[in-house]
Amino acid sequence: MTFIKMLKDDAGASAAEYALILAIVGSGIAVAALALGGSIGNAMNNASGCIDDPSDTTCAPAAAG
């Protein structure tokens, strides 16, 4: 009798759906973190280059106005 109730129970379906949503959201966060990490790394490298050689034209502040 308990086995038949277990077969008819569909509560596990919602748990599987939540797991799938969690996997998709987690993947999105991981991809965003990798992209953001690359951007931050590039910005740090550019800042380091400007500290080493301030006369570089890429280090000039943007013109106002």
PDB file of N, CA and C in Angstrom:
ATOM      1  N   MET A   1       0.821  -1.192   0.000  1.00  0.00           N
ATOM      2  CA  MET A   1       0.000   0.000   0.000  1.00  0.00           C
ATOM      3  C   MET A   1       0.867   1.259   0.000  1.00  0.00           C
ATOM      4  N   THR A   2       1.914   1.297   0.778  1.00  0.00           N
ATOM      5  CA  THR A   2       2.796   2.456   0.844  1.00  0.00           C
ATOM      6  C   THR A   2       3.531   2.645  -0.477  1.00  0.00           C
ATOM      7  N   PHE A   3       3.922   1.549  -1.129  1.00  0.00           N
ATOM      8  CA  PHE A   3       4.620   1.628  -2.397  1.00  0.00           C
ATOM      9  C   PHE A   3       3.731   2.251  -3.469  1.00  0.00           C
ATOM     10  N   ILE A   4       2.468   1.933  -3.477  1.00  0.00           N
ATOM     11  CA  ILE A   4       1.530   2.497  -4.456  1.00  0.00           C
ATOM     12  C   ILE A   4       1.350   3.991  -4.209  1.00  0.00           C
ATOM     13  N   LYS A   5       1.272   4.397  -2.942  1.00  0.00           N
ATOM     14  CA  LYS A   5       1.180   5.821  -2.627  1.00  0.00           C
ATOM     15  C   LYS A   5       2.418   6.560  -3.101  1.00  0.00           C
ATOM     16  N   MET A   6       3.568   5.918  -2.952  1.00  0.00           N
ATOM     17  CA  MET A   6       4.809   6.540  -3.377  1.00  0.00           C
ATOM     18  C   MET A   6       4.836   6.712  -4.899  1.00  0.00           C
ATOM     19  N   LEU A   7       4.299   5.742  -5.633  1.00  0.00           N
ATOM     20  CA  LEU A   7       4.269   5.851  -7.089  1.00  0.00           C
ATOM     21  C   LEU A   7       3.331   6.964  -7.559  1.00  0.00           C
ATOM     22  N   LYS A   8       2.262   7.189  -6.836  1.00  0.00           N
ATOM     23  CA  LYS A   8       1.294   8.212  -7.218  1.00  0.00           C
ATOM     24  C   LYS A   8       1.711   9.604  -6.765  1.00  0.00           C
ATOM     25  N   ASP A   9       2.631   9.687  -5.839  1.00  0.00           N
ATOM     26  CA  ASP A   9       3.073  10.981  -5.309  1.00  0.00           C
ATOM     27  C   ASP A   9       3.880  11.726  -6.371  1.00  0.00           C
ATOM     28  N   ASP A  10       3.490  12.975  -6.646  1.00  0.00           N
ATOM     29  CA  ASP A  10       4.204  13.758  -7.656  1.00  0.00           C
ATOM     30  C   ASP A  10       4.984  14.917  -7.027  1.00  0.00           C
ATOM     31  N   ALA A  11       5.261  14.869  -5.753  1.00  0.00           N
ATOM     32  CA  ALA A  11       6.017  15.931  -5.088  1.00  0.00           C
ATOM     33  C   ALA A  11       7.462  15.973  -5.568  1.00  0.00           C
ATOM     34  N   GLY A  12       7.984  14.851  -5.997  1.00  0.00           N
ATOM     35  CA  GLY A  12       9.356  14.808  -6.493  1.00  0.00           C
ATOM     36  C   GLY A  12       9.538  15.584  -7.778  1.00  0.00           C
ATOM     37  N   ALA A  13       8.484  15.752  -8.547  1.00  0.00           N
ATOM     38  CA  ALA A  13       8.586  16.497  -9.800  1.00  0.00           C
ATOM     39  C   ALA A  13       8.938  17.949  -9.530  1.00  0.00           C
ATOM     40  N   SER A  14       8.349  18.527  -8.504  1.00  0.00           N
ATOM     41  CA  SER A  14       8.660  19.923  -8.220  1.00  0.00           C
ATOM     42  C   SER A  14      10.099  20.067  -7.720  1.00  0.00           C
ATOM     43  N   ALA A  15      10.587  19.089  -7.000  1.00  0.00           N
ATOM     44  CA  ALA A  15      11.970  19.135  -6.539  1.00  0.00           C
ATOM     45  C   ALA A  15      12.928  19.068  -7.730  1.00  0.00           C
ATOM     46  N   ALA A  16      12.604  18.251  -8.715  1.00  0.00           N
ATOM     47  CA  ALA A  16      13.438  18.157  -9.913  1.00  0.00           C
ATOM     48  C   ALA A  16      13.411  19.462 -10.687  1.00  0.00           C
ATOM     49  N   GLU A  17      12.264  20.109 -10.744  1.00  0.00           N
ATOM     50  CA  GLU A  17      12.155  21.396 -11.442  1.00  0.00           C
ATOM     51  C   GLU A  17      12.983  22.458 -10.728  1.00  0.00           C
ATOM     52  N   TYR A  18      12.930  22.463  -9.391  1.00  0.00           N
ATOM     53  CA  TYR A  18      13.741  23.420  -8.636  1.00  0.00           C
ATOM     54  C   TYR A  18      15.232  23.167  -8.860  1.00  0.00           C
ATOM     55  N   ALA A  19      15.624  21.925  -8.944  1.00  0.00           N
ATOM     56  CA  ALA A  19      17.028  21.590  -9.187  1.00  0.00           C
ATOM     57  C   ALA A  19      17.462  22.069 -10.572  1.00  0.00           C
ATOM     58  N   LEU A  20      16.600  21.939 -11.555  1.00  0.00           N
ATOM     59  CA  LEU A  20      16.916  22.401 -12.899  1.00  0.00           C
ATOM     60  C   LEU A  20      17.042  23.920 -12.944  1.00  0.00           C
ATOM     61  N   ILE A  21      16.140  24.609 -12.289  1.00  0.00           N
ATOM     62  CA  ILE A  21      16.214  26.069 -12.220  1.00  0.00           C
ATOM     63  C   ILE A  21      17.491  26.494 -11.520  1.00  0.00           C
ATOM     64  N   LEU A  22      17.825  25.834 -10.433  1.00  0.00           N
ATOM     65  CA  LEU A  22      19.051  26.146  -9.697  1.00  0.00           C
ATOM     66  C   LEU A  22      20.285  25.923 -10.563  1.00  0.00           C
ATOM     67  N   ALA A  23      20.293  24.877 -11.351  1.00  0.00           N
ATOM     68  CA  ALA A  23      21.430  24.599 -12.234  1.00  0.00           C
ATOM     69  C   ALA A  23      21.560  25.676 -13.306  1.00  0.00           C
ATOM     70  N   ILE A  24      20.450  26.121 -13.863  1.00  0.00           N
ATOM     71  CA  ILE A  24      20.484  27.164 -14.898  1.00  0.00           C
ATOM     72  C   ILE A  24      20.957  28.484 -14.305  1.00  0.00           C
ATOM     73  N   VAL A  25      20.414  28.862 -13.164  1.00  0.00           N
ATOM     74  CA  VAL A  25      20.818  30.117 -12.524  1.00  0.00           C
ATOM     75  C   VAL A  25      22.283  30.050 -12.106  1.00  0.00           C
ATOM     76  N   GLY A  26      22.694  28.933 -11.559  1.00  0.00           N
ATOM     77  CA  GLY A  26      24.089  28.771 -11.156  1.00  0.00           C
ATOM     78  C   GLY A  26      25.036  28.870 -12.334  1.00  0.00           C
ATOM     79  N   SER A  27      24.652  28.299 -13.461  1.00  0.00           N
ATOM     80  CA  SER A  27      25.482  28.400 -14.663  1.00  0.00           C
ATOM     81  C   SER A  27      25.589  29.842 -15.129  1.00  0.00           C
ATOM     82  N   GLY A  28      24.483  30.565 -15.081  1.00  0.00           N
ATOM     83  CA  GLY A  28      24.505  31.978 -15.461  1.00  0.00           C
ATOM     84  C   GLY A  28      25.407  32.804 -14.561  1.00  0.00           C
ATOM     85  N   ILE A  29      25.356  32.536 -13.282  1.00  0.00           N
ATOM     86  CA  ILE A  29      26.215  33.252 -12.335  1.00  0.00           C
ATOM     87  C   ILE A  29      27.681  32.927 -12.599  1.00  0.00           C
ATOM     88  N   ALA A  30      27.983  31.665 -12.888  1.00  0.00           N
ATOM     89  CA  ALA A  30      29.366  31.269 -13.159  1.00  0.00           C
ATOM     90  C   ALA A  30      29.898  31.954 -14.415  1.00  0.00           C
ATOM     91  N   VAL A  31      29.093  32.004 -15.470  1.00  0.00           N
ATOM     92  CA  VAL A  31      29.522  32.662 -16.709  1.00  0.00           C
ATOM     93  C   VAL A  31      29.731  34.152 -16.462  1.00  0.00           C
ATOM     94  N   ALA A  32      28.820  34.782 -15.727  1.00  0.00           N
ATOM     95  CA  ALA A  32      28.961  36.212 -15.429  1.00  0.00           C
ATOM     96  C   ALA A  32      30.208  36.474 -14.588  1.00  0.00           C
ATOM     97  N   ALA A  33      30.495  35.606 -13.643  1.00  0.00           N
ATOM     98  CA  ALA A  33      31.679  35.785 -12.800  1.00  0.00           C
ATOM     99  C   ALA A  33      32.960  35.659 -13.618  1.00  0.00           C
ATOM    100  N   LEU A  34      32.993  34.732 -14.552  1.00  0.00           N
ATOM    101  CA  LEU A  34      34.174  34.583 -15.399  1.00  0.00           C
ATOM    102  C   LEU A  34      34.373  35.816 -16.281  1.00  0.00           C
ATOM    103  N   ALA A  35      33.287  36.323 -16.858  1.00  0.00           N
ATOM    104  CA  ALA A  35      33.386  37.513 -17.707  1.00  0.00           C
ATOM    105  C   ALA A  35      33.797  38.731 -16.887  1.00  0.00           C
ATOM    106  N   LEU A  36      33.223  38.878 -15.727  1.00  0.00           N
ATOM    107  CA  LEU A  36      33.560  40.009 -14.866  1.00  0.00           C
ATOM    108  C   LEU A  36      35.004  39.911 -14.395  1.00  0.00           C
ATOM    109  N   GLY A  37      35.459  38.722 -14.091  1.00  0.00           N
ATOM    110  CA  GLY A  37      36.838  38.530 -13.672  1.00  0.00           C
ATOM    111  C   GLY A  37      37.813  38.942 -14.758  1.00  0.00           C
ATOM    112  N   GLY A  38      37.499  38.616 -16.004  1.00  0.00           N
ATOM    113  CA  GLY A  38      38.346  39.029 -17.114  1.00  0.00           C
ATOM    114  C   GLY A  38      38.381  40.535 -17.277  1.00  0.00           C
ATOM    115  N   SER A  39      37.239  41.172 -17.146  1.00  0.00           N
ATOM    116  CA  SER A  39      37.167  42.629 -17.268  1.00  0.00           C
ATOM    117  C   SER A  39      37.945  43.322 -16.159  1.00  0.00           C
ATOM    118  N   ILE A  40      37.822  42.809 -14.957  1.00  0.00           N
ATOM    119  CA  ILE A  40      38.557  43.396 -13.836  1.00  0.00           C
ATOM    120  C   ILE A  40      40.062  43.197 -14.032  1.00  0.00           C
ATOM    121  N   GLY A  41      40.456  42.035 -14.515  1.00  0.00           N
ATOM    122  CA  GLY A  41      41.867  41.780 -14.784  1.00  0.00           C
ATOM    123  C   GLY A  41      42.424  42.746 -15.827  1.00  0.00           C
ATOM    124  N   ASN A  42      41.659  42.982 -16.891  1.00  0.00           N
ATOM    125  CA  ASN A  42      42.103  43.925 -17.922  1.00  0.00           C
ATOM    126  C   ASN A  42      42.210  45.340 -17.358  1.00  0.00           C
ATOM    127  N   ALA A  43      41.262  45.741 -16.545  1.00  0.00           N
ATOM    128  CA  ALA A  43      41.304  47.081 -15.955  1.00  0.00           C
ATOM    129  C   ALA A  43      42.513  47.235 -15.039  1.00  0.00           C
ATOM    130  N   MET A  44      42.833  46.209 -14.275  1.00  0.00           N
ATOM    131  CA  MET A  44      43.997  46.268 -13.396  1.00  0.00           C
ATOM    132  C   MET A  44      45.292  46.336 -14.197  1.00  0.00           C
ATOM    133  N   ASN A  45      45.358  45.573 -15.281  1.00  0.00           N
ATOM    134  CA  ASN A  45      46.546  45.618 -16.131  1.00  0.00           C
ATOM    135  C   ASN A  45      46.708  46.997 -16.770  1.00  0.00           C
ATOM    136  N   ASN A  46      45.607  47.601 -17.218  1.00  0.00           N
ATOM    137  CA  ASN A  46      45.670  48.942 -17.794  1.00  0.00           C
ATOM    138  C   ASN A  46      46.118  49.963 -16.751  1.00  0.00           C
ATOM    139  N   ALA A  47      45.586  49.851 -15.546  1.00  0.00           N
ATOM    140  CA  ALA A  47      45.972  50.778 -14.482  1.00  0.00           C
ATOM    141  C   ALA A  47      47.451  50.617 -14.142  1.00  0.00           C
ATOM    142  N   SER A  48      47.920  49.388 -14.106  1.00  0.00           N
ATOM    143  CA  SER A  48      49.332  49.139 -13.832  1.00  0.00           C
ATOM    144  C   SER A  48      50.212  49.737 -14.922  1.00  0.00           C
ATOM    145  N   GLY A  49      49.789  49.617 -16.172  1.00  0.00           N
ATOM    146  CA  GLY A  49      50.533  50.202 -17.277  1.00  0.00           C
ATOM    147  C   GLY A  49      50.578  51.714 -17.195  1.00  0.00           C
ATOM    148  N   CYS A  50      49.490  52.320 -16.772  1.00  0.00           N
ATOM    149  CA  CYS A  50      49.456  53.779 -16.631  1.00  0.00           C
ATOM    150  C   CYS A  50      50.339  54.243 -15.473  1.00  0.00           C
ATOM    151  N   ILE A  51      50.441  53.467 -14.434  1.00  0.00           N
ATOM    152  CA  ILE A  51      51.326  53.819 -13.319  1.00  0.00           C
ATOM    153  C   ILE A  51      52.779  53.712 -13.770  1.00  0.00           C
ATOM    154  N   ASP A  52      53.089  52.676 -14.546  1.00  0.00           N
ATOM    155  CA  ASP A  52      54.453  52.487 -15.032  1.00  0.00           C
ATOM    156  C   ASP A  52      54.856  53.556 -16.048  1.00  0.00           C
ATOM    157  N   ASP A  53      53.932  53.953 -16.934  1.00  0.00           N
ATOM    158  CA  ASP A  53      54.238  54.917 -17.992  1.00  0.00           C
ATOM    159  C   ASP A  53      53.079  55.903 -18.126  1.00  0.00           C
ATOM    160  N   PRO A  54      53.045  56.950 -17.302  1.00  0.00           N
ATOM    161  CA  PRO A  54      51.918  57.908 -17.338  1.00  0.00           C
ATOM    162  C   PRO A  54      51.834  58.717 -18.633  1.00  0.00           C
ATOM    163  N   SER A  55      52.897  58.753 -19.435  1.00  0.00           N
ATOM    164  CA  SER A  55      52.854  59.530 -20.672  1.00  0.00           C
ATOM    165  C   SER A  55      52.120  58.798 -21.793  1.00  0.00           C
ATOM    166  N   ASP A  56      51.730  57.580 -21.565  1.00  0.00           N
ATOM    167  CA  ASP A  56      51.004  56.814 -22.570  1.00  0.00           C
ATOM    168  C   ASP A  56      49.689  57.520 -22.899  1.00  0.00           C
ATOM    169  N   THR A  57      49.339  57.584 -24.164  1.00  0.00           N
ATOM    170  CA  THR A  57      48.131  58.311 -24.579  1.00  0.00           C
ATOM    171  C   THR A  57      46.843  57.647 -24.088  1.00  0.00           C
ATOM    172  N   THR A  58      46.877  56.368 -23.819  1.00  0.00           N
ATOM    173  CA  THR A  58      45.671  55.696 -23.321  1.00  0.00           C
ATOM    174  C   THR A  58      45.404  56.015 -21.861  1.00  0.00           C
ATOM    175  N   CYS A  59      46.361  56.661 -21.185  1.00  0.00           N
ATOM    176  CA  CYS A  59      46.206  56.971 -19.761  1.00  0.00           C
ATOM    177  C   CYS A  59      45.682  58.384 -19.532  1.00  0.00           C
ATOM    178  N   ALA A  60      45.554  59.161 -20.601  1.00  0.00           N
ATOM    179  CA  ALA A  60      45.088  60.533 -20.444  1.00  0.00           C
ATOM    180  C   ALA A  60      43.638  60.538 -19.981  1.00  0.00           C
ATOM    181  N   PRO A  61      43.270  61.440 -19.084  1.00  0.00           N
ATOM    182  CA  PRO A  61      41.870  61.503 -18.653  1.00  0.00           C
ATOM    183  C   PRO A  61      40.967  61.945 -19.804  1.00  0.00           C
ATOM    184  N   ALA A  62      39.751  61.522 -19.754  1.00  0.00           N
ATOM    185  CA  ALA A  62      38.798  61.874 -20.814  1.00  0.00           C
ATOM    186  C   ALA A  62      38.528  63.369 -20.786  1.00  0.00           C
ATOM    187  N   ALA A  63      38.342  63.929 -21.954  1.00  0.00           N
ATOM    188  CA  ALA A  63      38.074  65.375 -22.050  1.00  0.00           C
ATOM    189  C   ALA A  63      36.675  65.671 -21.536  1.00  0.00           C
ATOM    190  N   ALA A  64      36.563  66.701 -20.733  1.00  0.00           N
ATOM    191  CA  ALA A  64      35.259  67.090 -20.190  1.00  0.00           C
ATOM    192  C   ALA A  64      34.492  67.888 -21.231  1.00  0.00           C
ATOM    193  N   GLY A  65      33.205  67.653 -21.269  1.00  0.00           N
ATOM    194  CA  GLY A  65      32.385  68.512 -22.075  1.00  0.00           C
ATOM    195  C   GLY A  65      31.971  67.954 -23.335  1.00  0.00           C
TER     196      GLY A  65
END
